[in-house]
């Protein structure tokens, strides 16, 4: 019965694995579960994966819960930002639309420049975004659009901020004296 299931889930969210499927569609029971562990969202009825409050509660508890949310809510910038604020790798579970959202990508790049790998092609061409990522970690330059990696003016700015970016510069520019000096000035 419902009361027994609620009591079991209050004791341990993992009880969801053994309850009748209709219990997993009970909003109150699922809220109790995801407050304990956001990954309990995995057991939620499909209808609750589109319930903003249930999903946001789960993601606040554990960013990994983002992988279970509905397609619609994986585009919700507040939900995605909540996950990204915990760990930039949450972007791997974000929608294409979220990966094109400048504020979402900026938040992720602040945590790690490597988040640039999940950014839309348009944002990988964005000079400010790429420089912010490279400033965080030079290895992020590998995810910059090819035209930026071949643009001398941009390459000078990038290697000046982090010499490690030099490894991913267009080979012709890597041999350029001015670029090499800019990288040497870093630090």
N, C-alpha and C. Protein backbone atom coordinates (compact mmCIF):
# COMPACT_ATOMS: atom_id res chain seq x y z
N UNK A 1 0.83 -1.19 0.00
CA UNK A 1 0.00 0.00 0.00
C UNK A 1 0.87 1.25 0.00
N UNK A 2 0.24 2.39 -0.28
CA UNK A 2 0.96 3.65 -0.44
C UNK A 2 1.71 4.06 0.83
N UNK A 3 1.07 3.97 1.98
CA UNK A 3 1.68 4.39 3.23
C UNK A 3 2.92 3.55 3.55
N UNK A 4 2.83 2.27 3.28
CA UNK A 4 3.96 1.38 3.51
C UNK A 4 5.13 1.75 2.58
N UNK A 5 4.79 2.03 1.33
CA UNK A 5 5.81 2.42 0.36
C UNK A 5 6.44 3.75 0.75
N UNK A 6 5.63 4.71 1.17
CA UNK A 6 6.14 6.01 1.60
C UNK A 6 7.09 5.83 2.78
N UNK A 7 6.69 5.04 3.73
CA UNK A 7 7.54 4.78 4.90
C UNK A 7 8.87 4.13 4.47
N UNK A 8 8.80 3.18 3.58
CA UNK A 8 10.01 2.49 3.11
C UNK A 8 10.96 3.46 2.41
N UNK A 9 10.39 4.31 1.56
CA UNK A 9 11.21 5.27 0.81
C UNK A 9 11.78 6.33 1.76
N UNK A 10 11.03 6.71 2.78
CA UNK A 10 11.55 7.66 3.77
C UNK A 10 12.76 7.08 4.48
N UNK A 11 12.77 5.79 4.68
CA UNK A 11 13.89 5.12 5.34
C UNK A 11 15.09 4.99 4.39
N UNK A 12 14.78 4.66 3.14
CA UNK A 12 15.85 4.46 2.15
C UNK A 12 15.27 4.58 0.75
N UNK A 13 15.73 5.56 0.00
CA UNK A 13 15.21 5.81 -1.35
C UNK A 13 15.36 4.60 -2.26
N UNK A 14 16.35 3.75 -2.00
CA UNK A 14 16.59 2.58 -2.85
C UNK A 14 15.45 1.57 -2.82
N UNK A 15 14.52 1.74 -1.88
CA UNK A 15 13.33 0.88 -1.84
C UNK A 15 12.52 1.04 -3.12
N UNK A 16 12.72 2.14 -3.84
CA UNK A 16 12.00 2.37 -5.10
C UNK A 16 12.23 1.24 -6.10
N UNK A 17 13.37 0.62 -6.01
CA UNK A 17 13.70 -0.46 -6.94
C UNK A 17 12.73 -1.64 -6.79
N UNK A 18 12.14 -1.76 -5.61
CA UNK A 18 11.32 -2.94 -5.32
C UNK A 18 9.83 -2.66 -5.21
N UNK A 19 9.44 -1.40 -5.35
CA UNK A 19 8.01 -1.07 -5.21
C UNK A 19 7.28 -1.28 -6.54
N UNK A 20 5.97 -1.34 -6.43
CA UNK A 20 5.12 -1.47 -7.63
C UNK A 20 5.29 -0.22 -8.49
N UNK A 21 5.28 -0.38 -9.81
CA UNK A 21 5.48 0.78 -10.70
C UNK A 21 4.54 1.96 -10.43
N UNK A 22 3.31 1.73 -9.99
CA UNK A 22 2.41 2.86 -9.76
C UNK A 22 2.91 3.75 -8.62
N UNK A 23 3.68 3.19 -7.71
CA UNK A 23 4.24 3.98 -6.61
C UNK A 23 5.24 4.99 -7.17
N UNK A 24 5.93 4.61 -8.22
CA UNK A 24 6.94 5.48 -8.82
C UNK A 24 6.34 6.67 -9.56
N UNK A 25 5.03 6.65 -9.71
CA UNK A 25 4.37 7.80 -10.33
C UNK A 25 3.77 8.72 -9.27
N UNK A 26 3.95 8.37 -8.01
CA UNK A 26 3.44 9.18 -6.90
C UNK A 26 4.42 10.32 -6.65
N UNK A 27 3.97 11.53 -6.91
CA UNK A 27 4.82 12.72 -6.82
C UNK A 27 5.42 12.90 -5.42
N UNK A 28 4.61 12.76 -4.40
CA UNK A 28 5.08 12.95 -3.03
C UNK A 28 6.18 11.95 -2.67
N UNK A 29 5.98 10.70 -3.05
CA UNK A 29 6.97 9.67 -2.76
C UNK A 29 8.28 9.94 -3.51
N UNK A 30 8.14 10.36 -4.76
CA UNK A 30 9.36 10.63 -5.54
C UNK A 30 10.10 11.86 -5.00
N UNK A 31 9.37 12.86 -4.52
CA UNK A 31 10.04 14.03 -3.93
C UNK A 31 10.82 13.62 -2.68
N UNK A 32 10.23 12.74 -1.89
CA UNK A 32 10.93 12.23 -0.70
C UNK A 32 12.22 11.53 -1.13
N UNK A 33 12.13 10.74 -2.17
CA UNK A 33 13.29 9.97 -2.64
C UNK A 33 14.39 10.87 -3.21
N UNK A 34 14.02 11.80 -4.09
CA UNK A 34 15.06 12.63 -4.73
C UNK A 34 15.67 13.63 -3.76
N UNK A 35 15.00 13.93 -2.67
CA UNK A 35 15.62 14.78 -1.65
C UNK A 35 16.76 14.02 -0.95
N UNK A 36 16.62 12.71 -0.87
CA UNK A 36 17.68 11.88 -0.28
C UNK A 36 18.83 11.70 -1.26
N UNK A 37 18.48 11.41 -2.50
CA UNK A 37 19.48 11.15 -3.53
C UNK A 37 18.87 11.47 -4.88
N UNK A 38 19.46 12.44 -5.57
CA UNK A 38 18.93 12.86 -6.87
C UNK A 38 18.86 11.74 -7.89
N UNK A 39 19.72 10.73 -7.73
CA UNK A 39 19.72 9.62 -8.68
C UNK A 39 18.49 8.74 -8.56
N UNK A 40 17.69 8.95 -7.53
CA UNK A 40 16.42 8.23 -7.40
C UNK A 40 15.51 8.56 -8.57
N UNK A 41 15.80 9.65 -9.25
CA UNK A 41 15.01 10.05 -10.42
C UNK A 41 14.99 8.94 -11.48
N UNK A 42 16.00 8.11 -11.48
CA UNK A 42 16.07 6.99 -12.43
C UNK A 42 14.84 6.08 -12.30
N UNK A 43 14.28 5.97 -11.11
CA UNK A 43 13.16 5.07 -10.87
C UNK A 43 11.80 5.76 -11.05
N UNK A 44 11.81 7.05 -11.28
CA UNK A 44 10.56 7.80 -11.41
C UNK A 44 9.79 7.39 -12.66
N UNK A 45 8.48 7.44 -12.54
CA UNK A 45 7.63 7.23 -13.70
C UNK A 45 7.96 8.31 -14.74
N UNK A 46 7.84 7.97 -15.97
CA UNK A 46 8.17 8.88 -17.07
C UNK A 46 7.48 10.24 -16.93
N UNK A 47 6.25 10.23 -16.44
CA UNK A 47 5.49 11.48 -16.29
C UNK A 47 6.18 12.45 -15.33
N UNK A 48 6.89 11.94 -14.35
CA UNK A 48 7.55 12.80 -13.38
C UNK A 48 8.89 13.34 -13.88
N UNK A 49 9.39 12.78 -14.96
CA UNK A 49 10.64 13.29 -15.54
C UNK A 49 10.43 14.63 -16.23
N UNK A 50 9.15 15.01 -16.36
CA UNK A 50 8.79 16.32 -16.92
C UNK A 50 8.25 17.25 -15.85
N UNK A 51 8.26 16.80 -14.62
CA UNK A 51 7.77 17.61 -13.50
C UNK A 51 8.94 18.48 -13.03
N UNK A 52 8.83 19.78 -13.25
CA UNK A 52 9.94 20.70 -12.99
C UNK A 52 10.41 20.65 -11.53
N UNK A 53 9.49 20.62 -10.59
CA UNK A 53 9.88 20.62 -9.18
C UNK A 53 10.62 19.33 -8.81
N UNK A 54 10.12 18.20 -9.27
CA UNK A 54 10.78 16.92 -8.98
C UNK A 54 12.18 16.90 -9.58
N UNK A 55 12.27 17.32 -10.83
CA UNK A 55 13.55 17.31 -11.53
C UNK A 55 14.54 18.29 -10.90
N UNK A 56 14.11 19.51 -10.62
CA UNK A 56 15.00 20.50 -10.02
C UNK A 56 15.48 20.04 -8.64
N UNK A 57 14.59 19.43 -7.87
CA UNK A 57 14.98 18.90 -6.56
C UNK A 57 16.05 17.82 -6.72
N UNK A 58 15.87 16.95 -7.69
CA UNK A 58 16.83 15.87 -7.94
C UNK A 58 18.18 16.43 -8.39
N UNK A 59 18.15 17.36 -9.32
CA UNK A 59 19.39 17.92 -9.86
C UNK A 59 20.13 18.73 -8.80
N UNK A 60 19.40 19.43 -7.95
CA UNK A 60 20.05 20.16 -6.86
C UNK A 60 20.78 19.19 -5.92
N UNK A 61 20.23 18.02 -5.77
CA UNK A 61 20.83 17.03 -4.88
C UNK A 61 22.02 16.33 -5.54
N UNK A 62 21.92 16.08 -6.84
CA UNK A 62 23.00 15.40 -7.57
C UNK A 62 22.92 15.76 -9.05
N UNK A 63 23.94 16.43 -9.57
CA UNK A 63 23.95 16.88 -10.95
C UNK A 63 23.76 15.73 -11.95
N UNK A 64 24.15 14.53 -11.57
CA UNK A 64 24.02 13.38 -12.47
C UNK A 64 22.57 13.04 -12.78
N UNK A 65 21.65 13.54 -11.98
CA UNK A 65 20.22 13.29 -12.23
C UNK A 65 19.79 13.90 -13.56
N UNK A 66 20.57 14.85 -14.06
CA UNK A 66 20.25 15.49 -15.34
C UNK A 66 20.11 14.46 -16.47
N UNK A 67 20.78 13.35 -16.36
CA UNK A 67 20.72 12.34 -17.43
C UNK A 67 19.36 11.65 -17.53
N UNK A 68 18.51 11.80 -16.51
CA UNK A 68 17.21 11.13 -16.53
C UNK A 68 16.05 12.05 -16.90
N UNK A 69 16.30 13.34 -17.01
CA UNK A 69 15.20 14.29 -17.21
C UNK A 69 14.64 14.23 -18.63
N UNK A 70 13.44 14.73 -18.78
CA UNK A 70 12.80 14.75 -20.09
C UNK A 70 13.57 15.67 -21.03
N UNK A 71 13.38 15.48 -22.32
CA UNK A 71 14.04 16.32 -23.33
C UNK A 71 13.68 17.79 -23.11
N UNK A 72 12.43 18.03 -22.78
CA UNK A 72 11.98 19.40 -22.55
C UNK A 72 12.74 20.06 -21.40
N UNK A 73 12.87 19.36 -20.28
CA UNK A 73 13.54 19.96 -19.12
C UNK A 73 15.06 19.97 -19.25
N UNK A 74 15.61 19.17 -20.18
CA UNK A 74 17.05 19.24 -20.40
C UNK A 74 17.40 20.52 -21.16
N UNK A 75 16.39 21.25 -21.59
CA UNK A 75 16.58 22.55 -22.24
C UNK A 75 16.33 23.70 -21.28
N UNK A 76 15.90 23.41 -20.08
CA UNK A 76 15.58 24.43 -19.08
C UNK A 76 16.90 24.96 -18.51
N UNK A 77 17.19 26.22 -18.78
CA UNK A 77 18.50 26.76 -18.39
C UNK A 77 18.70 26.77 -16.88
N UNK A 78 17.66 26.99 -16.10
CA UNK A 78 17.84 26.98 -14.64
C UNK A 78 18.26 25.58 -14.15
N UNK A 79 17.63 24.56 -14.70
CA UNK A 79 17.96 23.19 -14.31
C UNK A 79 19.38 22.84 -14.75
N UNK A 80 19.71 23.16 -15.98
CA UNK A 80 21.05 22.85 -16.49
C UNK A 80 22.11 23.64 -15.74
N UNK A 81 21.85 24.91 -15.46
CA UNK A 81 22.81 25.71 -14.69
C UNK A 81 23.00 25.15 -13.28
N UNK A 82 21.94 24.67 -12.70
CA UNK A 82 22.04 24.06 -11.37
C UNK A 82 23.00 22.87 -11.41
N UNK A 83 22.90 22.07 -12.45
CA UNK A 83 23.80 20.91 -12.60
C UNK A 83 25.23 21.36 -12.90
N UNK A 84 25.38 22.29 -13.83
CA UNK A 84 26.70 22.77 -14.24
C UNK A 84 27.42 23.47 -13.10
N UNK A 85 26.68 24.14 -12.23
CA UNK A 85 27.30 24.79 -11.07
C UNK A 85 27.94 23.78 -10.13
N UNK A 86 27.46 22.54 -10.18
CA UNK A 86 28.06 21.47 -9.35
C UNK A 86 29.24 20.83 -10.08
N UNK A 87 29.07 20.60 -11.38
CA UNK A 87 30.13 19.95 -12.15
C UNK A 87 29.93 20.26 -13.63
N UNK A 88 30.95 20.79 -14.27
CA UNK A 88 30.85 21.18 -15.68
C UNK A 88 30.51 19.99 -16.57
N UNK A 89 30.86 18.78 -16.14
CA UNK A 89 30.60 17.60 -16.96
C UNK A 89 29.11 17.30 -17.12
N UNK A 90 28.28 17.99 -16.37
CA UNK A 90 26.84 17.85 -16.54
C UNK A 90 26.42 18.20 -17.97
N UNK A 91 27.23 19.00 -18.65
CA UNK A 91 26.91 19.38 -20.03
C UNK A 91 26.75 18.17 -20.94
N UNK A 92 27.38 17.07 -20.62
CA UNK A 92 27.25 15.88 -21.46
C UNK A 92 25.82 15.37 -21.48
N UNK A 93 25.01 15.75 -20.48
CA UNK A 93 23.61 15.33 -20.41
C UNK A 93 22.66 16.44 -20.82
N UNK A 94 23.20 17.58 -21.20
CA UNK A 94 22.38 18.74 -21.56
C UNK A 94 21.96 18.64 -23.03
N UNK A 95 20.88 19.31 -23.33
CA UNK A 95 20.36 19.31 -24.71
C UNK A 95 21.25 20.16 -25.62
N UNK A 96 21.04 20.01 -26.90
CA UNK A 96 21.75 20.81 -27.89
C UNK A 96 21.47 22.30 -27.67
N UNK A 97 20.22 22.59 -27.34
CA UNK A 97 19.84 23.99 -27.08
C UNK A 97 20.61 24.55 -25.88
N UNK A 98 20.75 23.76 -24.84
CA UNK A 98 21.49 24.21 -23.66
C UNK A 98 22.97 24.41 -23.97
N UNK A 99 23.49 23.59 -24.85
CA UNK A 99 24.90 23.71 -25.23
C UNK A 99 25.15 24.92 -26.13
N UNK A 100 24.07 25.52 -26.59
CA UNK A 100 24.16 26.75 -27.39
C UNK A 100 23.86 27.98 -26.55
N UNK A 101 23.50 27.77 -25.30
CA UNK A 101 23.15 28.86 -24.40
C UNK A 101 24.43 29.45 -23.81
N UNK A 102 24.67 30.70 -24.14
CA UNK A 102 25.91 31.37 -23.74
C UNK A 102 26.12 31.34 -22.22
N UNK A 103 25.08 31.63 -21.45
CA UNK A 103 25.26 31.69 -19.99
C UNK A 103 25.54 30.31 -19.40
N UNK A 104 24.96 29.27 -19.98
CA UNK A 104 25.23 27.91 -19.51
C UNK A 104 26.69 27.54 -19.78
N UNK A 105 27.14 27.81 -20.99
CA UNK A 105 28.52 27.47 -21.34
C UNK A 105 29.51 28.33 -20.55
N UNK A 106 29.21 29.60 -20.34
CA UNK A 106 30.09 30.45 -19.54
C UNK A 106 30.25 29.90 -18.12
N UNK A 107 29.14 29.47 -17.54
CA UNK A 107 29.19 28.92 -16.18
C UNK A 107 30.06 27.66 -16.15
N UNK A 108 29.92 26.83 -17.15
CA UNK A 108 30.70 25.60 -17.21
C UNK A 108 32.18 25.90 -17.43
N UNK A 109 32.47 26.83 -18.32
CA UNK A 109 33.86 27.19 -18.62
C UNK A 109 34.54 27.80 -17.40
N UNK A 110 33.78 28.49 -16.56
CA UNK A 110 34.37 29.03 -15.32
C UNK A 110 34.85 27.89 -14.41
N UNK A 111 34.18 26.76 -14.49
CA UNK A 111 34.57 25.60 -13.67
C UNK A 111 35.74 24.86 -14.32
N UNK A 112 35.69 24.73 -15.65
CA UNK A 112 36.78 24.09 -16.39
C UNK A 112 36.73 24.52 -17.86
N UNK A 113 37.86 24.93 -18.35
CA UNK A 113 37.94 25.30 -19.76
C UNK A 113 37.60 24.15 -20.68
N UNK A 114 37.76 22.92 -20.19
CA UNK A 114 37.45 21.75 -21.01
C UNK A 114 35.96 21.63 -21.34
N UNK A 115 35.13 22.40 -20.65
CA UNK A 115 33.70 22.41 -20.95
C UNK A 115 33.45 22.90 -22.37
N UNK A 116 34.40 23.58 -22.95
CA UNK A 116 34.26 24.07 -24.32
C UNK A 116 33.96 22.93 -25.29
N UNK A 117 34.38 21.72 -24.98
CA UNK A 117 34.14 20.58 -25.85
C UNK A 117 32.65 20.32 -26.06
N UNK A 118 31.81 20.73 -25.12
CA UNK A 118 30.37 20.51 -25.23
C UNK A 118 29.63 21.70 -25.82
N UNK A 119 30.34 22.78 -26.04
CA UNK A 119 29.71 23.98 -26.58
C UNK A 119 29.32 23.79 -28.04
N UNK A 120 28.32 24.54 -28.44
CA UNK A 120 27.88 24.50 -29.84
C UNK A 120 29.00 25.00 -30.74
N UNK A 121 28.97 24.63 -32.02
CA UNK A 121 29.99 25.14 -32.95
C UNK A 121 30.06 26.67 -32.96
N UNK A 122 28.92 27.32 -32.81
CA UNK A 122 28.89 28.78 -32.80
C UNK A 122 29.68 29.34 -31.61
N UNK A 123 29.51 28.73 -30.44
CA UNK A 123 30.23 29.22 -29.26
C UNK A 123 31.71 28.86 -29.29
N UNK A 124 32.06 27.83 -30.05
CA UNK A 124 33.48 27.49 -30.21
C UNK A 124 34.20 28.48 -31.12
N UNK A 125 33.43 29.30 -31.81
CA UNK A 125 33.98 30.36 -32.66
C UNK A 125 34.04 31.69 -31.91
N UNK A 126 33.42 31.73 -30.76
CA UNK A 126 33.31 32.96 -29.97
C UNK A 126 34.65 33.25 -29.29
N UNK A 127 35.29 34.32 -29.69
CA UNK A 127 36.63 34.65 -29.19
C UNK A 127 36.67 34.78 -27.67
N UNK A 128 35.72 35.50 -27.11
CA UNK A 128 35.71 35.69 -25.65
C UNK A 128 35.52 34.37 -24.91
N UNK A 129 34.64 33.53 -25.45
CA UNK A 129 34.37 32.25 -24.80
C UNK A 129 35.62 31.36 -24.84
N UNK A 130 36.26 31.30 -26.00
CA UNK A 130 37.44 30.46 -26.15
C UNK A 130 38.59 30.99 -25.29
N UNK A 131 38.77 32.30 -25.24
CA UNK A 131 39.84 32.85 -24.40
C UNK A 131 39.59 32.57 -22.93
N UNK A 132 38.35 32.64 -22.51
CA UNK A 132 38.02 32.31 -21.11
C UNK A 132 38.35 30.85 -20.82
N UNK A 133 38.04 29.98 -21.77
CA UNK A 133 38.32 28.55 -21.60
C UNK A 133 39.83 28.30 -21.56
N UNK A 134 40.56 28.94 -22.46
CA UNK A 134 42.01 28.76 -22.53
C UNK A 134 42.68 29.32 -21.28
N UNK A 135 42.15 30.42 -20.78
CA UNK A 135 42.69 31.00 -19.55
C UNK A 135 42.58 29.98 -18.41
N UNK A 136 41.49 29.23 -18.40
CA UNK A 136 41.25 28.19 -17.39
C UNK A 136 42.22 27.03 -17.58
N UNK A 137 42.31 26.54 -18.82
CA UNK A 137 43.21 25.44 -19.14
C UNK A 137 43.60 25.52 -20.61
N UNK A 138 44.90 25.51 -20.86
CA UNK A 138 45.40 25.63 -22.23
C UNK A 138 44.90 24.52 -23.14
N UNK A 139 44.64 23.35 -22.58
CA UNK A 139 44.17 22.23 -23.38
C UNK A 139 42.81 22.49 -24.01
N UNK A 140 42.08 23.47 -23.52
CA UNK A 140 40.76 23.79 -24.08
C UNK A 140 40.89 24.30 -25.51
N UNK A 141 42.06 24.78 -25.87
CA UNK A 141 42.25 25.35 -27.22
C UNK A 141 41.98 24.31 -28.30
N UNK A 142 42.14 23.05 -28.00
CA UNK A 142 41.88 21.99 -28.97
C UNK A 142 40.42 22.00 -29.43
N UNK A 143 39.52 22.54 -28.60
CA UNK A 143 38.09 22.56 -28.92
C UNK A 143 37.66 23.85 -29.61
N UNK A 144 38.59 24.78 -29.78
CA UNK A 144 38.28 26.02 -30.48
C UNK A 144 38.05 25.72 -31.96
N UNK A 145 37.23 26.53 -32.58
CA UNK A 145 37.00 26.39 -34.02
C UNK A 145 38.33 26.50 -34.77
N UNK A 146 38.45 25.75 -35.85
CA UNK A 146 39.70 25.71 -36.62
C UNK A 146 40.11 27.10 -37.08
N UNK A 147 39.14 27.92 -37.46
CA UNK A 147 39.52 29.26 -37.94
C UNK A 147 40.18 30.09 -36.84
N UNK A 148 39.83 29.86 -35.58
CA UNK A 148 40.49 30.57 -34.49
C UNK A 148 41.90 30.02 -34.26
N UNK A 149 42.05 28.72 -34.42
CA UNK A 149 43.38 28.12 -34.20
C UNK A 149 44.36 28.50 -35.32
N UNK A 150 43.83 29.05 -36.40
CA UNK A 150 44.69 29.46 -37.53
C UNK A 150 44.78 30.99 -37.63
N UNK A 151 44.15 31.72 -36.73
CA UNK A 151 44.13 33.18 -36.74
C UNK A 151 45.28 33.69 -35.86
N UNK A 152 46.29 34.29 -36.48
CA UNK A 152 47.50 34.67 -35.75
C UNK A 152 47.19 35.61 -34.58
N UNK A 153 46.38 36.61 -34.81
CA UNK A 153 46.06 37.57 -33.75
C UNK A 153 45.41 36.86 -32.55
N UNK A 154 44.50 35.95 -32.86
CA UNK A 154 43.82 35.22 -31.79
C UNK A 154 44.78 34.25 -31.10
N UNK A 155 45.60 33.57 -31.88
CA UNK A 155 46.57 32.62 -31.31
C UNK A 155 47.53 33.36 -30.37
N UNK A 156 47.96 34.55 -30.75
CA UNK A 156 48.85 35.33 -29.88
C UNK A 156 48.17 35.62 -28.54
N UNK A 157 46.92 35.99 -28.59
CA UNK A 157 46.17 36.26 -27.35
C UNK A 157 46.01 34.99 -26.52
N UNK A 158 45.74 33.87 -27.18
CA UNK A 158 45.52 32.61 -26.46
C UNK A 158 46.79 32.10 -25.80
N UNK A 159 47.89 32.06 -26.53
CA UNK A 159 49.13 31.52 -25.93
C UNK A 159 49.72 32.49 -24.92
N UNK A 160 49.40 33.77 -25.05
CA UNK A 160 49.83 34.74 -24.04
C UNK A 160 49.11 34.45 -22.72
N UNK A 161 47.86 33.99 -22.80
CA UNK A 161 47.09 33.67 -21.59
C UNK A 161 47.47 32.31 -21.00
N UNK A 162 47.84 31.38 -21.89
CA UNK A 162 48.22 30.05 -21.42
C UNK A 162 49.06 29.37 -22.50
N UNK A 163 50.34 29.24 -22.24
CA UNK A 163 51.27 28.70 -23.23
C UNK A 163 50.94 27.26 -23.63
N UNK A 164 50.22 26.55 -22.77
CA UNK A 164 49.86 25.16 -23.10
C UNK A 164 48.99 25.09 -24.35
N UNK A 165 48.34 26.18 -24.69
CA UNK A 165 47.50 26.21 -25.89
C UNK A 165 48.33 26.04 -27.16
N UNK A 166 49.61 26.32 -27.08
CA UNK A 166 50.49 26.26 -28.25
C UNK A 166 50.45 24.90 -28.93
N UNK A 167 50.25 23.84 -28.16
CA UNK A 167 50.20 22.49 -28.75
C UNK A 167 49.10 22.33 -29.78
N UNK A 168 48.04 23.14 -29.67
CA UNK A 168 46.87 22.95 -30.53
C UNK A 168 46.73 24.03 -31.60
N UNK A 169 47.75 24.85 -31.70
CA UNK A 169 47.76 25.91 -32.70
C UNK A 169 48.05 25.31 -34.07
N UNK A 170 47.51 25.91 -35.09
CA UNK A 170 47.78 25.49 -36.46
C UNK A 170 49.30 25.35 -36.62
N UNK A 171 49.78 24.24 -37.23
CA UNK A 171 51.23 23.98 -37.32
C UNK A 171 52.04 25.13 -37.92
N UNK A 172 51.52 25.82 -38.92
CA UNK A 172 52.27 26.94 -39.51
C UNK A 172 52.49 28.04 -38.50
N UNK A 173 51.48 28.30 -37.68
CA UNK A 173 51.61 29.37 -36.69
C UNK A 173 52.47 28.95 -35.50
N UNK A 174 52.50 27.67 -35.23
CA UNK A 174 53.30 27.18 -34.11
C UNK A 174 54.79 27.52 -34.33
N UNK A 175 55.21 27.54 -35.58
CA UNK A 175 56.60 27.83 -35.92
C UNK A 175 56.89 29.34 -36.01
N UNK A 176 55.85 30.14 -35.93
CA UNK A 176 55.99 31.60 -36.03
C UNK A 176 56.74 32.15 -34.81
N UNK A 177 57.74 32.97 -35.06
CA UNK A 177 58.59 33.53 -33.99
C UNK A 177 57.77 34.34 -32.99
N UNK A 178 56.88 35.18 -33.48
CA UNK A 178 56.07 36.03 -32.59
C UNK A 178 55.17 35.19 -31.68
N UNK A 179 54.61 34.13 -32.23
CA UNK A 179 53.76 33.24 -31.45
C UNK A 179 54.60 32.53 -30.37
N UNK A 180 55.76 32.05 -30.75
CA UNK A 180 56.63 31.37 -29.79
C UNK A 180 57.06 32.32 -28.67
N UNK A 181 57.35 33.56 -29.01
CA UNK A 181 57.74 34.54 -27.98
C UNK A 181 56.57 34.86 -27.06
N UNK A 182 55.38 34.94 -27.62
CA UNK A 182 54.20 35.21 -26.80
C UNK A 182 53.99 34.08 -25.80
N UNK A 183 54.18 32.85 -26.25
CA UNK A 183 54.04 31.70 -25.35
C UNK A 183 55.13 31.73 -24.28
N UNK A 184 56.34 32.14 -24.68
CA UNK A 184 57.46 32.20 -23.73
C UNK A 184 57.22 33.27 -22.65
N UNK A 185 56.47 34.32 -22.99
CA UNK A 185 56.17 35.40 -22.04
C UNK A 185 55.13 35.00 -21.03
N UNK A 186 54.42 33.89 -21.28
CA UNK A 186 53.33 33.47 -20.38
C UNK A 186 53.87 33.12 -19.02
N UNK A 187 53.09 33.44 -18.01
CA UNK A 187 53.44 33.02 -16.67
C UNK A 187 53.98 34.13 -15.87
